[in-house]
Amino acid sequence: MNSGKTIFSQLMEFLPIHEFRKCVARYNGNYKVKSFSCWDQFLCMAFAQLTYRESLRDIQACLRGTRHKLYHMGIRGNVSRNTLANANKIRDWRIYSDFAQVLIRKARRLYSNESFGLKLDQTVYALDSTTIDLCLSLFPWAIFRKRKGAVKMHTLLDLRGSIPTVVIITHGRVHDVNILDQLIIEAGAMYIMDRGYLDFARLFMIHQTSGFFVIRAKRNFNFRRLYSHTIDKSTGIQCDQTIVPQNFYAQKNYPEKLRRIRYLDVNTNKRLVFLTNNFTLPAKTIAELYRCRWQIELFFKWIKQHLRIKAFYGTSENAIKTQIWIAISIYVLVAIVKKDLKLDQSLYTILQVLSVTLFEKEPILQVLTNNDYIKPNPVPSNQLNLFE
């Protein structure tokens, strides 16, 4: 006798299904679909991400082995390797991209007051990319080098809660700096970037839209100092200057003044030079902001280690983008569950617990907090006993 809901079903209840249906209708995802809907596809792929399945055959074997529980997990269609492979290949990946954006907006509201180490009122973003290596013979569309394929996942990370707000997936040859052309700059927000994004025309575009940036300068950067500001060298700041670019094209592309800060990291004994268009924050805060950029590196490391995005269930571009966007949805979903249930555990601990308890029929809060849950006694019935 089935009593209660599985952990997987309780977890999926945190998803706004009505929003998912809107995304499916937007791209006509269930057109001529009889049994295996887009929602079934999403649930199967979510199960694969949560349990770290190795292949489509692995997904099929695990789900068919517990077929008597699939209905209670919300999966109505028959789970077949070929059916799932075909769905990943032909169903528009933008369905899952749009749905991930719905979850991201919800997560950002939940984490809007979260601290990231610095007390700042404005939103702070970190921009970077990670490369996912592919076999060029299996993924001929993912051109990277002569004998190597790859895709890049360009990510704009909100440091409050480490929530990815923008994710753009391209083949490996697309340079990081080109992604700045596709971003909608938020006025008053701070964008932290590595020196791979140093392009003065694009930085001036951020400046013109009332955004702020902090970026590392290249070693061969030529400038003319206008004047220096007072500094406290005990904080590691070696100089705080107002400058203008000296090179012809740099001066042409960025005709305004810049702020140059040189910082000595006592832990690594490295000298770092930052450029910014923010002249109000203390120099030490600018240096600490760049240190917070490391959160995006931790985000890439986390999803590569704990979600399935380095090995894929299909070889088409649509299948890869579908899998990556569903992986991002699961990451954001775990973050939402952590906040909604007020859990103290890390995302890693929550994901590990979920991976081995998805088929259990216990309250999800009890499983994730290790608290003993006592089922209340039913209301006594007034029905008389026939036999005494």
Foldseek 3Di string as FASTA:
>chain_A
DDDFAFLLQVLCVLADVVVLVVLCVVQVQCVVPDFFGVVLLLSLLLLCFLQVADALVSSLVVCVVPVVCCVSSVRGHRRDSVVSQVSLFPGFLVSLVVSLLVLLVVLCVLLVVADLPDDDNAWEKEKDKDKFWDQCVLQVVQDADDGTGIKMWIFIFGSRLRATNDTDIGRNNDQRLVCLVVDDADAPYEYEYECSNDDLLSQVVNVVSNYKYKYWDDPPFAWDFDDWDDDDCVLQKDTWTKIAGDDDVNCVSHVDIWIWIWGQDPVVRDIIIMIMPDPPDDSSVSVVSNVSSCSVVVVVVVLVVSGPLNDFHHRYPSSNSNSVSSSSSSLSSLSVCCSVLVHPDDSVLLSVQCNPRRRPRDPSSCSRVVDDDDDDDDDDDPDDDPPD
